[in-house]
Amino acid sequence: EKLVGGSNTKFVSNITDKTYARIDGGESAPG
């Protein structure tokens, strides 16, 4: 729940697989 990506993408409880397992690219490529 406290995880935040480098461009401030916050954890989303229904996205817990590899979908956001990337370097945070902001709104266009959240991670």
PDB file of all heavy atoms in Angstrom:
ATOM      1  N   GLU A   1       0.783  -1.232   0.000  1.00  0.00           N
ATOM      2  CA  GLU A   1       0.000   0.000   0.000  1.00  0.00           C
ATOM      3  C   GLU A   1       0.817   1.285   0.000  1.00  0.00           C
ATOM      4  O   GLU A   1       0.356   2.316  -0.471  1.00  0.00           O
ATOM      5  CB  GLU A   1      -0.951   0.045   1.206  1.00  0.00           C
ATOM      6  CG  GLU A   1      -2.016  -1.018   1.220  1.00  0.00           C
ATOM      7  CD  GLU A   1      -1.569  -2.272   1.964  1.00  0.00           C
ATOM      8  OE1 GLU A   1      -0.460  -2.294   2.547  1.00  0.00           O
ATOM      9  OE2 GLU A   1      -2.329  -3.259   1.940  1.00  0.00           O
ATOM     10  N   LYS A   2       2.047   1.268   0.506  1.00  0.00           N
ATOM     11  CA  LYS A   2       2.859   2.487   0.616  1.00  0.00           C
ATOM     12  C   LYS A   2       3.818   2.672  -0.558  1.00  0.00           C
ATOM     13  O   LYS A   2       4.518   3.674  -0.633  1.00  0.00           O
ATOM     14  CB  LYS A   2       3.647   2.480   1.928  1.00  0.00           C
ATOM     15  CG  LYS A   2       2.747   2.534   3.148  1.00  0.00           C
ATOM     16  CD  LYS A   2       3.550   2.530   4.428  1.00  0.00           C
ATOM     17  CE  LYS A   2       2.631   2.536   5.636  1.00  0.00           C
ATOM     18  NZ  LYS A   2       3.392   2.473   6.889  1.00  0.00           N
ATOM     19  N   LEU A   3       3.818   1.732  -1.496  1.00  0.00           N
ATOM     20  CA  LEU A   3       4.749   1.771  -2.619  1.00  0.00           C
ATOM     21  C   LEU A   3       4.420   2.919  -3.569  1.00  0.00           C
ATOM     22  O   LEU A   3       3.268   3.133  -3.946  1.00  0.00           O
ATOM     23  CB  LEU A   3       4.700   0.444  -3.374  1.00  0.00           C
ATOM     24  CG  LEU A   3       5.759   0.191  -4.432  1.00  0.00           C
ATOM     25  CD1 LEU A   3       7.164   0.274  -3.838  1.00  0.00           C
ATOM     26  CD2 LEU A   3       5.540  -1.167  -5.078  1.00  0.00           C
ATOM     27  N   VAL A   4       5.465   3.678  -3.939  1.00  0.00           N
ATOM     28  CA  VAL A   4       5.315   4.816  -4.853  1.00  0.00           C
ATOM     29  C   VAL A   4       6.469   4.773  -5.857  1.00  0.00           C
ATOM     30  O   VAL A   4       7.631   4.642  -5.477  1.00  0.00           O
ATOM     31  CB  VAL A   4       5.356   6.163  -4.082  1.00  0.00           C
ATOM     32  CG1 VAL A   4       5.234   7.334  -5.047  1.00  0.00           C
ATOM     33  CG2 VAL A   4       4.256   6.217  -3.036  1.00  0.00           C
ATOM     34  N   GLY A   5       6.139   4.912  -7.135  1.00  0.00           N
ATOM     35  CA  GLY A   5       7.156   4.937  -8.177  1.00  0.00           C
ATOM     36  C   GLY A   5       7.895   6.261  -8.215  1.00  0.00           C
ATOM     37  O   GLY A   5       7.494   7.239  -7.572  1.00  0.00           O
ATOM     38  N   GLY A   6       8.967   6.312  -8.970  1.00  0.00           N
ATOM     39  CA  GLY A   6       9.836   7.476  -9.037  1.00  0.00           C
ATOM     40  C   GLY A   6       9.197   8.742  -9.580  1.00  0.00           C
ATOM     41  O   GLY A   6       9.666   9.840  -9.328  1.00  0.00           O
ATOM     42  N   SER A   7       8.100   8.607 -10.337  1.00  0.00           N
ATOM     43  CA  SER A   7       7.369   9.778 -10.830  1.00  0.00           C
ATOM     44  C   SER A   7       6.052   9.958 -10.083  1.00  0.00           C
ATOM     45  O   SER A   7       5.110  10.545 -10.595  1.00  0.00           O
ATOM     46  CB  SER A   7       7.108   9.658 -12.338  1.00  0.00           C
ATOM     47  OG  SER A   7       8.324   9.749 -13.042  1.00  0.00           O
ATOM     48  N   ASN A   8       6.005   9.377  -8.881  1.00  0.00           N
ATOM     49  CA  ASN A   8       4.887   9.540  -7.944  1.00  0.00           C
ATOM     50  C   ASN A   8       3.653   8.693  -8.256  1.00  0.00           C
ATOM     51  O   ASN A   8       2.557   9.024  -7.816  1.00  0.00           O
ATOM     52  CB  ASN A   8       4.503  11.014  -7.791  1.00  0.00           C
ATOM     53  CG  ASN A   8       3.925  11.297  -6.417  1.00  0.00           C
ATOM     54  OD1 ASN A   8       4.308  10.653  -5.444  1.00  0.00           O
ATOM     55  ND2 ASN A   8       3.019  12.248  -6.339  1.00  0.00           N
ATOM     56  N   THR A   9       3.804   7.614  -9.043  1.00  0.00           N
ATOM     57  CA  THR A   9       2.689   6.695  -9.234  1.00  0.00           C
ATOM     58  C   THR A   9       2.486   5.928  -7.941  1.00  0.00           C
ATOM     59  O   THR A   9       3.403   5.277  -7.441  1.00  0.00           O
ATOM     60  CB  THR A   9       2.955   5.718 -10.393  1.00  0.00           C
ATOM     61  OG1 THR A   9       3.031   6.453 -11.612  1.00  0.00           O
ATOM     62  CG2 THR A   9       1.871   4.654 -10.500  1.00  0.00           C
ATOM     63  N   LYS A  10       1.287   6.018  -7.407  1.00  0.00           N
ATOM     64  CA  LYS A  10       0.965   5.368  -6.142  1.00  0.00           C
ATOM     65  C   LYS A  10       0.370   3.982  -6.388  1.00  0.00           C
ATOM     66  O   LYS A  10      -0.210   3.711  -7.433  1.00  0.00           O
ATOM     67  CB  LYS A  10       0.007   6.237  -5.345  1.00  0.00           C
ATOM     68  CG  LYS A  10       0.646   7.532  -4.874  1.00  0.00           C
ATOM     69  CD  LYS A  10      -0.324   8.393  -4.101  1.00  0.00           C
ATOM     70  CE  LYS A  10       0.264   9.671  -3.581  1.00  0.00           C
ATOM     71  NZ  LYS A  10       1.300  10.320  -4.297  1.00  0.00           N
ATOM     72  N   PHE A  11       0.528   3.120  -5.404  1.00  0.00           N
ATOM     73  CA  PHE A  11       0.005   1.752  -5.443  1.00  0.00           C
ATOM     74  C   PHE A  11      -1.493   1.764  -5.740  1.00  0.00           C
ATOM     75  O   PHE A  11      -2.244   2.558  -5.185  1.00  0.00           O
ATOM     76  CB  PHE A  11       0.280   1.080  -4.097  1.00  0.00           C
ATOM     77  CG  PHE A  11      -0.308  -0.291  -3.971  1.00  0.00           C
ATOM     78  CD1 PHE A  11       0.288  -1.369  -4.584  1.00  0.00           C
ATOM     79  CD2 PHE A  11      -1.458  -0.492  -3.227  1.00  0.00           C
ATOM     80  CE1 PHE A  11      -0.248  -2.643  -4.467  1.00  0.00           C
ATOM     81  CE2 PHE A  11      -2.004  -1.761  -3.090  1.00  0.00           C
ATOM     82  CZ  PHE A  11      -1.394  -2.832  -3.719  1.00  0.00           C
ATOM     83  N   VAL A  12      -1.909   0.859  -6.610  1.00  0.00           N
ATOM     84  CA  VAL A  12      -3.312   0.667  -6.953  1.00  0.00           C
ATOM     85  C   VAL A  12      -3.661  -0.772  -6.572  1.00  0.00           C
ATOM     86  O   VAL A  12      -3.040  -1.713  -7.077  1.00  0.00           O
ATOM     87  CB  VAL A  12      -3.556   0.902  -8.465  1.00  0.00           C
ATOM     88  CG1 VAL A  12      -5.022   0.716  -8.808  1.00  0.00           C
ATOM     89  CG2 VAL A  12      -3.065   2.277  -8.881  1.00  0.00           C
ATOM     90  N   SER A  13      -4.628  -0.938  -5.677  1.00  0.00           N
ATOM     91  CA  SER A  13      -4.892  -2.258  -5.096  1.00  0.00           C
ATOM     92  C   SER A  13      -5.303  -3.327  -6.100  1.00  0.00           C
ATOM     93  O   SER A  13      -5.120  -4.514  -5.833  1.00  0.00           O
ATOM     94  CB  SER A  13      -5.952  -2.154  -3.999  1.00  0.00           C
ATOM     95  OG  SER A  13      -7.173  -1.691  -4.540  1.00  0.00           O
ATOM     96  N   ASN A  14      -5.812  -2.950  -7.263  1.00  0.00           N
ATOM     97  CA  ASN A  14      -6.196  -3.980  -8.232  1.00  0.00           C
ATOM     98  C   ASN A  14      -5.137  -4.197  -9.320  1.00  0.00           C
ATOM     99  O   ASN A  14      -5.369  -4.921 -10.282  1.00  0.00           O
ATOM    100  CB  ASN A  14      -7.558  -3.667  -8.853  1.00  0.00           C
ATOM    101  CG  ASN A  14      -7.559  -2.406  -9.682  1.00  0.00           C
ATOM    102  OD1 ASN A  14      -6.734  -1.520  -9.484  1.00  0.00           O
ATOM    103  ND2 ASN A  14      -8.493  -2.307 -10.613  1.00  0.00           N
ATOM    104  N   ILE A  15      -3.958  -3.571  -9.164  1.00  0.00           N
ATOM    105  CA  ILE A  15      -2.847  -3.800 -10.103  1.00  0.00           C
ATOM    106  C   ILE A  15      -1.663  -4.319  -9.291  1.00  0.00           C
ATOM    107  O   ILE A  15      -0.810  -3.571  -8.831  1.00  0.00           O
ATOM    108  CB  ILE A  15      -2.475  -2.522 -10.877  1.00  0.00           C
ATOM    109  CG1 ILE A  15      -3.696  -1.987 -11.628  1.00  0.00           C
ATOM    110  CG2 ILE A  15      -1.330  -2.805 -11.851  1.00  0.00           C
ATOM    111  CD1 ILE A  15      -3.471  -0.677 -12.341  1.00  0.00           C
ATOM    112  N   THR A  16      -1.654  -5.631  -9.085  1.00  0.00           N
ATOM    113  CA  THR A  16      -0.621  -6.237  -8.235  1.00  0.00           C
ATOM    114  C   THR A  16       0.245  -7.246  -8.980  1.00  0.00           C
ATOM    115  O   THR A  16       1.062  -7.925  -8.374  1.00  0.00           O
ATOM    116  CB  THR A  16      -1.256  -6.908  -7.005  1.00  0.00           C
ATOM    117  OG1 THR A  16      -2.143  -7.944  -7.432  1.00  0.00           O
ATOM    118  CG2 THR A  16      -2.017  -5.894  -6.156  1.00  0.00           C
ATOM    119  N   ASP A  17       0.071  -7.336 -10.298  1.00  0.00           N
ATOM    120  CA  ASP A  17       0.917  -8.224 -11.092  1.00  0.00           C
ATOM    121  C   ASP A  17       2.038  -7.407 -11.742  1.00  0.00           C
ATOM    122  O   ASP A  17       2.317  -6.293 -11.312  1.00  0.00           O
ATOM    123  CB  ASP A  17       0.080  -8.967 -12.138  1.00  0.00           C
ATOM    124  CG  ASP A  17      -0.551  -8.029 -13.167  1.00  0.00           C
ATOM    125  OD1 ASP A  17      -0.395  -6.790 -13.060  1.00  0.00           O
ATOM    126  OD2 ASP A  17      -1.223  -8.540 -14.085  1.00  0.00           O
ATOM    127  N   LYS A  18       2.651  -7.905 -12.803  1.00  0.00           N
ATOM    128  CA  LYS A  18       3.799  -7.235 -13.418  1.00  0.00           C
ATOM    129  C   LYS A  18       3.427  -5.997 -14.242  1.00  0.00           C
ATOM    130  O   LYS A  18       4.314  -5.309 -14.746  1.00  0.00           O
ATOM    131  CB  LYS A  18       4.597  -8.212 -14.279  1.00  0.00           C
ATOM    132  CG  LYS A  18       3.914  -8.593 -15.582  1.00  0.00           C
ATOM    133  CD  LYS A  18       4.813  -9.466 -16.424  1.00  0.00           C
ATOM    134  CE  LYS A  18       4.193  -9.718 -17.790  1.00  0.00           C
ATOM    135  NZ  LYS A  18       5.102 -10.454 -18.662  1.00  0.00           N
ATOM    136  N   THR A  19       2.156  -5.669 -14.345  1.00  0.00           N
ATOM    137  CA  THR A  19       1.711  -4.534 -15.147  1.00  0.00           C
ATOM    138  C   THR A  19       2.482  -3.254 -14.831  1.00  0.00           C
ATOM    139  O   THR A  19       2.896  -2.533 -15.738  1.00  0.00           O
ATOM    140  CB  THR A  19       0.195  -4.292 -14.959  1.00  0.00           C
ATOM    141  OG1 THR A  19      -0.512  -5.490 -15.276  1.00  0.00           O
ATOM    142  CG2 THR A  19      -0.299  -3.155 -15.826  1.00  0.00           C
ATOM    143  N   TYR A  20       2.698  -2.950 -13.556  1.00  0.00           N
ATOM    144  CA  TYR A  20       3.416  -1.747 -13.141  1.00  0.00           C
ATOM    145  C   TYR A  20       4.824  -2.066 -12.633  1.00  0.00           C
ATOM    146  O   TYR A  20       5.443  -1.241 -11.973  1.00  0.00           O
ATOM    147  CB  TYR A  20       2.640  -0.998 -12.066  1.00  0.00           C
ATOM    148  CG  TYR A  20       1.471  -0.164 -12.567  1.00  0.00           C
ATOM    149  CD1 TYR A  20       0.993  -0.264 -13.869  1.00  0.00           C
ATOM    150  CD2 TYR A  20       0.835   0.732 -11.718  1.00  0.00           C
ATOM    151  CE1 TYR A  20      -0.080   0.497 -14.301  1.00  0.00           C
ATOM    152  CE2 TYR A  20      -0.238   1.501 -12.148  1.00  0.00           C
ATOM    153  CZ  TYR A  20      -0.691   1.377 -13.442  1.00  0.00           C
ATOM    154  OH  TYR A  20      -1.744   2.143 -13.872  1.00  0.00           O
ATOM    155  N   ALA A  21       5.351  -3.230 -12.969  1.00  0.00           N
ATOM    156  CA  ALA A  21       6.699  -3.626 -12.549  1.00  0.00           C
ATOM    157  C   ALA A  21       7.727  -3.047 -13.514  1.00  0.00           C
ATOM    158  O   ALA A  21       8.466  -3.755 -14.183  1.00  0.00           O
ATOM    159  CB  ALA A  21       6.822  -5.143 -12.476  1.00  0.00           C
ATOM    160  N   ARG A  22       7.715  -1.726 -13.600  1.00  0.00           N
ATOM    161  CA  ARG A  22       8.628  -1.005 -14.488  1.00  0.00           C
ATOM    162  C   ARG A  22       8.966   0.339 -13.852  1.00  0.00           C
ATOM    163  O   ARG A  22       8.281   0.803 -12.938  1.00  0.00           O
ATOM    164  CB  ARG A  22       8.002  -0.793 -15.854  1.00  0.00           C
ATOM    165  CG  ARG A  22       6.720   0.020 -15.792  1.00  0.00           C
ATOM    166  CD  ARG A  22       6.121   0.213 -17.164  1.00  0.00           C
ATOM    167  NE  ARG A  22       4.801   0.817 -17.077  1.00  0.00           N
ATOM    168  CZ  ARG A  22       3.833   0.619 -17.928  1.00  0.00           C
ATOM    169  NH1 ARG A  22       4.025  -0.184 -18.954  1.00  0.00           N
ATOM    170  NH2 ARG A  22       2.678   1.213 -17.787  1.00  0.00           N
ATOM    171  N   ILE A  23      10.019   0.970 -14.389  1.00  0.00           N
ATOM    172  CA  ILE A  23      10.390   2.306 -13.916  1.00  0.00           C
ATOM    173  C   ILE A  23       9.231   3.244 -14.224  1.00  0.00           C
ATOM    174  O   ILE A  23       8.706   3.260 -15.339  1.00  0.00           O
ATOM    175  CB  ILE A  23      11.697   2.777 -14.574  1.00  0.00           C
ATOM    176  CG1 ILE A  23      12.870   1.898 -14.108  1.00  0.00           C
ATOM    177  CG2 ILE A  23      11.962   4.249 -14.245  1.00  0.00           C
ATOM    178  CD1 ILE A  23      14.180   2.155 -14.820  1.00  0.00           C
ATOM    179  N   ASP A  24       8.832   3.988 -13.232  1.00  0.00           N
ATOM    180  CA  ASP A  24       7.692   4.887 -13.331  1.00  0.00           C
ATOM    181  C   ASP A  24       7.926   5.963 -14.388  1.00  0.00           C
ATOM    182  O   ASP A  24       8.870   6.741 -14.303  1.00  0.00           O
ATOM    183  CB  ASP A  24       7.445   5.535 -11.968  1.00  0.00           C
ATOM    184  CG  ASP A  24       6.135   6.290 -11.882  1.00  0.00           C
ATOM    185  OD1 ASP A  24       5.344   6.248 -12.850  1.00  0.00           O
ATOM    186  OD2 ASP A  24       5.899   6.908 -10.825  1.00  0.00           O
ATOM    187  N   GLY A  25       7.049   5.995 -15.373  1.00  0.00           N
ATOM    188  CA  GLY A  25       7.140   6.994 -16.430  1.00  0.00           C
ATOM    189  C   GLY A  25       6.020   8.012 -16.362  1.00  0.00           C
ATOM    190  O   GLY A  25       5.694   8.644 -17.365  1.00  0.00           O
ATOM    191  N   GLY A  26       5.401   8.144 -15.196  1.00  0.00           N
ATOM    192  CA  GLY A  26       4.321   9.113 -15.041  1.00  0.00           C
ATOM    193  C   GLY A  26       3.014   8.608 -15.622  1.00  0.00           C
ATOM    194  O   GLY A  26       2.828   7.413 -15.820  1.00  0.00           O
ATOM    195  N   GLU A  27       2.122   9.523 -15.923  1.00  0.00           N
ATOM    196  CA  GLU A  27       0.783   9.158 -16.382  1.00  0.00           C
ATOM    197  C   GLU A  27       0.776   8.328 -17.662  1.00  0.00           C
ATOM    198  O   GLU A  27      -0.078   7.469 -17.842  1.00  0.00           O
ATOM    199  CB  GLU A  27      -0.066  10.414 -16.589  1.00  0.00           C
ATOM    200  CG  GLU A  27      -0.473  11.079 -15.303  1.00  0.00           C
ATOM    201  CD  GLU A  27      -1.404  12.266 -15.539  1.00  0.00           C
ATOM    202  OE1 GLU A  27      -2.141  12.263 -16.546  1.00  0.00           O
ATOM    203  OE2 GLU A  27      -1.373  13.188 -14.709  1.00  0.00           O
ATOM    204  N   SER A  28       1.718   8.561 -18.561  1.00  0.00           N
ATOM    205  CA  SER A  28       1.742   7.829 -19.831  1.00  0.00           C
ATOM    206  C   SER A  28       2.292   6.410 -19.695  1.00  0.00           C
ATOM    207  O   SER A  28       2.006   5.556 -20.533  1.00  0.00           O
ATOM    208  CB  SER A  28       2.544   8.600 -20.876  1.00  0.00           C
ATOM    209  OG  SER A  28       3.890   8.715 -20.467  1.00  0.00           O
ATOM    210  N   ALA A  29       3.072   6.145 -18.678  1.00  0.00           N
ATOM    211  CA  ALA A  29       3.650   4.815 -18.462  1.00  0.00           C
ATOM    212  C   ALA A  29       3.853   4.594 -16.960  1.00  0.00           C
ATOM    213  O   ALA A  29       4.975   4.546 -16.471  1.00  0.00           O
ATOM    214  CB  ALA A  29       4.967   4.670 -19.200  1.00  0.00           C
ATOM    215  N   PRO A  30       2.746   4.465 -16.210  1.00  0.00           N
ATOM    216  CA  PRO A  30       2.868   4.334 -14.754  1.00  0.00           C
ATOM    217  C   PRO A  30       3.620   3.070 -14.337  1.00  0.00           C
ATOM    218  O   PRO A  30       3.525   2.038 -15.001  1.00  0.00           O
ATOM    219  CB  PRO A  30       1.422   4.291 -14.273  1.00  0.00           C
ATOM    220  CG  PRO A  30       0.617   3.925 -15.466  1.00  0.00           C
ATOM    221  CD  PRO A  30       1.379   4.360 -16.668  1.00  0.00           C
ATOM    222  N   GLY A  31       4.377   3.192 -13.272  1.00  0.00           N
ATOM    223  CA  GLY A  31       5.117   2.057 -12.737  1.00  0.00           C
ATOM    224  C   GLY A  31       5.358   2.237 -11.254  1.00  0.00           C
ATOM    225  O   GLY A  31       5.302   3.346 -10.735  1.00  0.00           O
TER     226      GLY A  31
END
